[in-house]
Amino acid sequence: MQLQNLYKKEVKGSELSTEEQELLDAYRDEWQSASVQANYLKPIIFLLIVGAVIRVFY
């Protein structure tokens, strides 16, 4: 939760302390890779749900 607050603070343009900036930089790559992975799975999950619905009704 604290990392999310730091990110919001950065987006708003607020000044971050050196410690806060280092923490945010350390986890930025991890967030980006998790975001890419989540976006990659969304279409697959959607297609699986559509396929299941079609199979139930036919």
PDB file of N, CA and C in Angstrom:
ATOM      1  N   MET A   1       0.827  -1.186   0.000  1.00  0.00           N
ATOM      2  CA  MET A   1       0.000   0.000   0.000  1.00  0.00           C
ATOM      3  C   MET A   1       0.871   1.249   0.000  1.00  0.00           C
ATOM      4  N   GLN A   2       1.960   1.216   0.703  1.00  0.00           N
ATOM      5  CA  GLN A   2       2.832   2.376   0.755  1.00  0.00           C
ATOM      6  C   GLN A   2       3.430   2.671  -0.623  1.00  0.00           C
ATOM      7  N   LEU A   3       3.783   1.626  -1.369  1.00  0.00           N
ATOM      8  CA  LEU A   3       4.341   1.827  -2.701  1.00  0.00           C
ATOM      9  C   LEU A   3       3.326   2.486  -3.626  1.00  0.00           C
ATOM     10  N   GLN A   4       2.075   2.093  -3.494  1.00  0.00           N
ATOM     11  CA  GLN A   4       1.029   2.705  -4.313  1.00  0.00           C
ATOM     12  C   GLN A   4       0.884   4.187  -3.964  1.00  0.00           C
ATOM     13  N   ASN A   5       0.957   4.511  -2.699  1.00  0.00           N
ATOM     14  CA  ASN A   5       0.883   5.909  -2.279  1.00  0.00           C
ATOM     15  C   ASN A   5       2.069   6.710  -2.807  1.00  0.00           C
ATOM     16  N   LEU A   6       3.256   6.108  -2.801  1.00  0.00           N
ATOM     17  CA  LEU A   6       4.435   6.777  -3.338  1.00  0.00           C
ATOM     18  C   LEU A   6       4.282   7.030  -4.835  1.00  0.00           C
ATOM     19  N   TYR A   7       3.738   6.056  -5.537  1.00  0.00           N
ATOM     20  CA  TYR A   7       3.528   6.214  -6.973  1.00  0.00           C
ATOM     21  C   TYR A   7       2.553   7.352  -7.251  1.00  0.00           C
ATOM     22  N   LYS A   8       1.456   7.398  -6.492  1.00  0.00           N
ATOM     23  CA  LYS A   8       0.477   8.475  -6.655  1.00  0.00           C
ATOM     24  C   LYS A   8       1.116   9.827  -6.364  1.00  0.00           C
ATOM     25  N   LYS A   9       1.956   9.856  -5.352  1.00  0.00           N
ATOM     26  CA  LYS A   9       2.654  11.085  -4.979  1.00  0.00           C
ATOM     27  C   LYS A   9       3.560  11.546  -6.120  1.00  0.00           C
ATOM     28  N   GLU A  10       4.246  10.599  -6.737  1.00  0.00           N
ATOM     29  CA  GLU A  10       5.124  10.923  -7.855  1.00  0.00           C
ATOM     30  C   GLU A  10       4.333  11.434  -9.055  1.00  0.00           C
ATOM     31  N   VAL A  11       3.204  10.786  -9.340  1.00  0.00           N
ATOM     32  CA  VAL A  11       2.374  11.178 -10.476  1.00  0.00           C
ATOM     33  C   VAL A  11       1.836  12.595 -10.290  1.00  0.00           C
ATOM     34  N   LYS A  12       1.478  12.940  -9.066  1.00  0.00           N
ATOM     35  CA  LYS A  12       0.962  14.278  -8.777  1.00  0.00           C
ATOM     36  C   LYS A  12       2.050  15.344  -8.877  1.00  0.00           C
ATOM     37  N   GLY A  13       3.298  14.921  -8.913  1.00  0.00           N
ATOM     38  CA  GLY A  13       4.392  15.867  -9.023  1.00  0.00           C
ATOM     39  C   GLY A  13       4.950  16.305  -7.687  1.00  0.00           C
ATOM     40  N   SER A  14       4.550  15.636  -6.613  1.00  0.00           N
ATOM     41  CA  SER A  14       5.064  15.963  -5.284  1.00  0.00           C
ATOM     42  C   SER A  14       6.526  15.556  -5.176  1.00  0.00           C
ATOM     43  N   GLU A  15       7.242  16.237  -4.332  1.00  0.00           N
ATOM     44  CA  GLU A  15       8.664  15.955  -4.108  1.00  0.00           C
ATOM     45  C   GLU A  15       8.800  14.712  -3.229  1.00  0.00           C
ATOM     46  N   LEU A  16       9.601  13.761  -3.685  1.00  0.00           N
ATOM     47  CA  LEU A  16       9.863  12.542  -2.923  1.00  0.00           C
ATOM     48  C   LEU A  16      11.235  12.636  -2.274  1.00  0.00           C
ATOM     49  N   SER A  17      11.347  12.074  -1.089  1.00  0.00           N
ATOM     50  CA  SER A  17      12.657  12.025  -0.443  1.00  0.00           C
ATOM     51  C   SER A  17      13.537  11.035  -1.193  1.00  0.00           C
ATOM     52  N   THR A  18      14.814  11.060  -0.953  1.00  0.00           N
ATOM     53  CA  THR A  18      15.751  10.158  -1.617  1.00  0.00           C
ATOM     54  C   THR A  18      15.402   8.705  -1.320  1.00  0.00           C
ATOM     55  N   GLU A  19      15.050   8.420  -0.081  1.00  0.00           N
ATOM     56  CA  GLU A  19      14.690   7.054   0.320  1.00  0.00           C
ATOM     57  C   GLU A  19      13.434   6.592  -0.407  1.00  0.00           C
ATOM     58  N   GLU A  20      12.425   7.466  -0.480  1.00  0.00           N
ATOM     59  CA  GLU A  20      11.186   7.122  -1.171  1.00  0.00           C
ATOM     60  C   GLU A  20      11.435   6.886  -2.655  1.00  0.00           C
ATOM     61  N   GLN A  21      12.255   7.719  -3.270  1.00  0.00           N
ATOM     62  CA  GLN A  21      12.551   7.577  -4.694  1.00  0.00           C
ATOM     63  C   GLN A  21      13.299   6.278  -4.975  1.00  0.00           C
ATOM     64  N   GLU A  22      14.235   5.912  -4.118  1.00  0.00           N
ATOM     65  CA  GLU A  22      14.976   4.663  -4.289  1.00  0.00           C
ATOM     66  C   GLU A  22      14.054   3.454  -4.159  1.00  0.00           C
ATOM     67  N   LEU A  23      13.149   3.506  -3.198  1.00  0.00           N
ATOM     68  CA  LEU A  23      12.189   2.420  -3.017  1.00  0.00           C
ATOM     69  C   LEU A  23      11.298   2.284  -4.244  1.00  0.00           C
ATOM     70  N   LEU A  24      10.818   3.401  -4.737  1.00  0.00           N
ATOM     71  CA  LEU A  24       9.953   3.400  -5.912  1.00  0.00           C
ATOM     72  C   LEU A  24      10.700   2.870  -7.136  1.00  0.00           C
ATOM     73  N   ASP A  25      11.929   3.290  -7.325  1.00  0.00           N
ATOM     74  CA  ASP A  25      12.733   2.818  -8.461  1.00  0.00           C
ATOM     75  C   ASP A  25      13.022   1.329  -8.364  1.00  0.00           C
ATOM     76  N   ALA A  26      13.241   0.846  -7.159  1.00  0.00           N
ATOM     77  CA  ALA A  26      13.561  -0.569  -6.964  1.00  0.00           C
ATOM     78  C   ALA A  26      12.408  -1.480  -7.377  1.00  0.00           C
ATOM     79  N   TYR A  27      11.181  -1.033  -7.161  1.00  0.00           N
ATOM     80  CA  TYR A  27      10.024  -1.875  -7.464  1.00  0.00           C
ATOM     81  C   TYR A  27       9.338  -1.537  -8.779  1.00  0.00           C
ATOM     82  N   ARG A  28       9.789  -0.496  -9.462  1.00  0.00           N
ATOM     83  CA  ARG A  28       9.154  -0.084 -10.717  1.00  0.00           C
ATOM     84  C   ARG A  28       9.212  -1.190 -11.775  1.00  0.00           C
ATOM     85  N   ASP A  29      10.344  -1.842 -11.947  1.00  0.00           N
ATOM     86  CA  ASP A  29      10.480  -2.913 -12.934  1.00  0.00           C
ATOM     87  C   ASP A  29       9.543  -4.072 -12.616  1.00  0.00           C
ATOM     88  N   GLU A  30       9.438  -4.388 -11.339  1.00  0.00           N
ATOM     89  CA  GLU A  30       8.555  -5.475 -10.919  1.00  0.00           C
ATOM     90  C   GLU A  30       7.094  -5.157 -11.251  1.00  0.00           C
ATOM     91  N   TRP A  31       6.691  -3.907 -11.014  1.00  0.00           N
ATOM     92  CA  TRP A  31       5.316  -3.488 -11.333  1.00  0.00           C
ATOM     93  C   TRP A  31       5.059  -3.576 -12.824  1.00  0.00           C
ATOM     94  N   GLN A  32       6.010  -3.122 -13.605  1.00  0.00           N
ATOM     95  CA  GLN A  32       5.828  -3.116 -15.054  1.00  0.00           C
ATOM     96  C   GLN A  32       5.709  -4.526 -15.602  1.00  0.00           C
ATOM     97  N   SER A  33       6.512  -5.444 -15.123  1.00  0.00           N
ATOM     98  CA  SER A  33       6.424  -6.817 -15.612  1.00  0.00           C
ATOM     99  C   SER A  33       5.114  -7.475 -15.180  1.00  0.00           C
ATOM    100  N   ALA A  34       4.653  -7.184 -13.978  1.00  0.00           N
ATOM    101  CA  ALA A  34       3.371  -7.732 -13.521  1.00  0.00           C
ATOM    102  C   ALA A  34       2.221  -7.152 -14.336  1.00  0.00           C
ATOM    103  N   SER A  35       2.308  -5.895 -14.682  1.00  0.00           N
ATOM    104  CA  SER A  35       1.274  -5.250 -15.487  1.00  0.00           C
ATOM    105  C   SER A  35       1.215  -5.849 -16.886  1.00  0.00           C
ATOM    106  N   VAL A  36       2.372  -6.067 -17.486  1.00  0.00           N
ATOM    107  CA  VAL A  36       2.423  -6.662 -18.821  1.00  0.00           C
ATOM    108  C   VAL A  36       1.851  -8.070 -18.786  1.00  0.00           C
ATOM    109  N   GLN A  37       2.188  -8.820 -17.762  1.00  0.00           N
ATOM    110  CA  GLN A  37       1.688 -10.187 -17.645  1.00  0.00           C
ATOM    111  C   GLN A  37       0.170 -10.192 -17.474  1.00  0.00           C
ATOM    112  N   ALA A  38      -0.361  -9.288 -16.665  1.00  0.00           N
ATOM    113  CA  ALA A  38      -1.809  -9.217 -16.454  1.00  0.00           C
ATOM    114  C   ALA A  38      -2.517  -8.835 -17.745  1.00  0.00           C
ATOM    115  N   ASN A  39      -1.964  -7.899 -18.486  1.00  0.00           N
ATOM    116  CA  ASN A  39      -2.574  -7.481 -19.747  1.00  0.00           C
ATOM    117  C   ASN A  39      -2.491  -8.590 -20.791  1.00  0.00           C
ATOM    118  N   TYR A  40      -1.494  -9.415 -20.724  1.00  0.00           N
ATOM    119  CA  TYR A  40      -1.334 -10.527 -21.648  1.00  0.00           C
ATOM    120  C   TYR A  40      -2.392 -11.604 -21.389  1.00  0.00           C
ATOM    121  N   LEU A  41      -2.766 -11.803 -20.139  1.00  0.00           N
ATOM    122  CA  LEU A  41      -3.698 -12.871 -19.785  1.00  0.00           C
ATOM    123  C   LEU A  41      -5.165 -12.492 -19.991  1.00  0.00           C
ATOM    124  N   LYS A  42      -5.486 -11.225 -19.997  1.00  0.00           N
ATOM    125  CA  LYS A  42      -6.886 -10.797 -20.113  1.00  0.00           C
ATOM    126  C   LYS A  42      -7.583 -11.333 -21.364  1.00  0.00           C
ATOM    127  N   PRO A  43      -7.004 -11.211 -22.552  1.00  0.00           N
ATOM    128  CA  PRO A  43      -7.695 -11.753 -23.735  1.00  0.00           C
ATOM    129  C   PRO A  43      -7.862 -13.274 -23.682  1.00  0.00           C
ATOM    130  N   ILE A  44      -6.894 -13.955 -23.121  1.00  0.00           N
ATOM    131  CA  ILE A  44      -6.988 -15.414 -23.022  1.00  0.00           C
ATOM    132  C   ILE A  44      -8.134 -15.810 -22.098  1.00  0.00           C
ATOM    133  N   ILE A  45      -8.224 -15.155 -20.971  1.00  0.00           N
ATOM    134  CA  ILE A  45      -9.304 -15.438 -20.017  1.00  0.00           C
ATOM    135  C   ILE A  45     -10.654 -15.122 -20.644  1.00  0.00           C
ATOM    136  N   PHE A  46     -10.736 -13.994 -21.351  1.00  0.00           N
ATOM    137  CA  PHE A  46     -11.987 -13.613 -22.010  1.00  0.00           C
ATOM    138  C   PHE A  46     -12.414 -14.681 -23.017  1.00  0.00           C
ATOM    139  N   LEU A  47     -11.490 -15.149 -23.827  1.00  0.00           N
ATOM    140  CA  LEU A  47     -11.824 -16.168 -24.819  1.00  0.00           C
ATOM    141  C   LEU A  47     -12.241 -17.487 -24.171  1.00  0.00           C
ATOM    142  N   LEU A  48     -11.608 -17.845 -23.074  1.00  0.00           N
ATOM    143  CA  LEU A  48     -12.008 -19.059 -22.366  1.00  0.00           C
ATOM    144  C   LEU A  48     -13.422 -18.949 -21.813  1.00  0.00           C
ATOM    145  N   ILE A  49     -13.767 -17.788 -21.281  1.00  0.00           N
ATOM    146  CA  ILE A  49     -15.117 -17.570 -20.752  1.00  0.00           C
ATOM    147  C   ILE A  49     -16.140 -17.622 -21.878  1.00  0.00           C
ATOM    148  N   VAL A  50     -15.856 -16.962 -22.990  1.00  0.00           N
ATOM    149  CA  VAL A  50     -16.770 -16.979 -24.134  1.00  0.00           C
ATOM    150  C   VAL A  50     -16.945 -18.409 -24.640  1.00  0.00           C
ATOM    151  N   GLY A  51     -15.868 -19.149 -24.730  1.00  0.00           N
ATOM    152  CA  GLY A  51     -15.947 -20.542 -25.163  1.00  0.00           C
ATOM    153  C   GLY A  51     -16.786 -21.387 -24.218  1.00  0.00           C
ATOM    154  N   ALA A  52     -16.648 -21.163 -22.930  1.00  0.00           N
ATOM    155  CA  ALA A  52     -17.444 -21.922 -21.952  1.00  0.00           C
ATOM    156  C   ALA A  52     -18.916 -21.573 -22.064  1.00  0.00           C
ATOM    157  N   VAL A  53     -19.228 -20.304 -22.244  1.00  0.00           N
ATOM    158  CA  VAL A  53     -20.628 -19.871 -22.374  1.00  0.00           C
ATOM    159  C   VAL A  53     -21.245 -20.474 -23.632  1.00  0.00           C
ATOM    160  N   ILE A  54     -20.521 -20.449 -24.734  1.00  0.00           N
ATOM    161  CA  ILE A  54     -21.030 -21.037 -25.980  1.00  0.00           C
ATOM    162  C   ILE A  54     -21.259 -22.528 -25.810  1.00  0.00           C
ATOM    163  N   ARG A  55     -20.343 -23.195 -25.126  1.00  0.00           N
ATOM    164  CA  ARG A  55     -20.482 -24.643 -24.918  1.00  0.00           C
ATOM    165  C   ARG A  55     -21.694 -24.959 -24.038  1.00  0.00           C
ATOM    166  N   VAL A  56     -21.985 -24.124 -23.059  1.00  0.00           N
ATOM    167  CA  VAL A  56     -23.130 -24.370 -22.179  1.00  0.00           C
ATOM    168  C   VAL A  56     -24.440 -24.207 -22.938  1.00  0.00           C
ATOM    169  N   PHE A  57     -24.517 -23.225 -23.807  1.00  0.00           N
ATOM    170  CA  PHE A  57     -25.784 -22.941 -24.490  1.00  0.00           C
ATOM    171  C   PHE A  57     -25.992 -23.766 -25.767  1.00  0.00           C
ATOM    172  N   TYR A  58     -24.994 -24.447 -26.249  1.00  0.00           N
ATOM    173  CA  TYR A  58     -25.179 -25.241 -27.479  1.00  0.00           C
ATOM    174  C   TYR A  58     -24.932 -26.692 -27.230  1.00  0.00           C
TER     175      TYR A  58
END
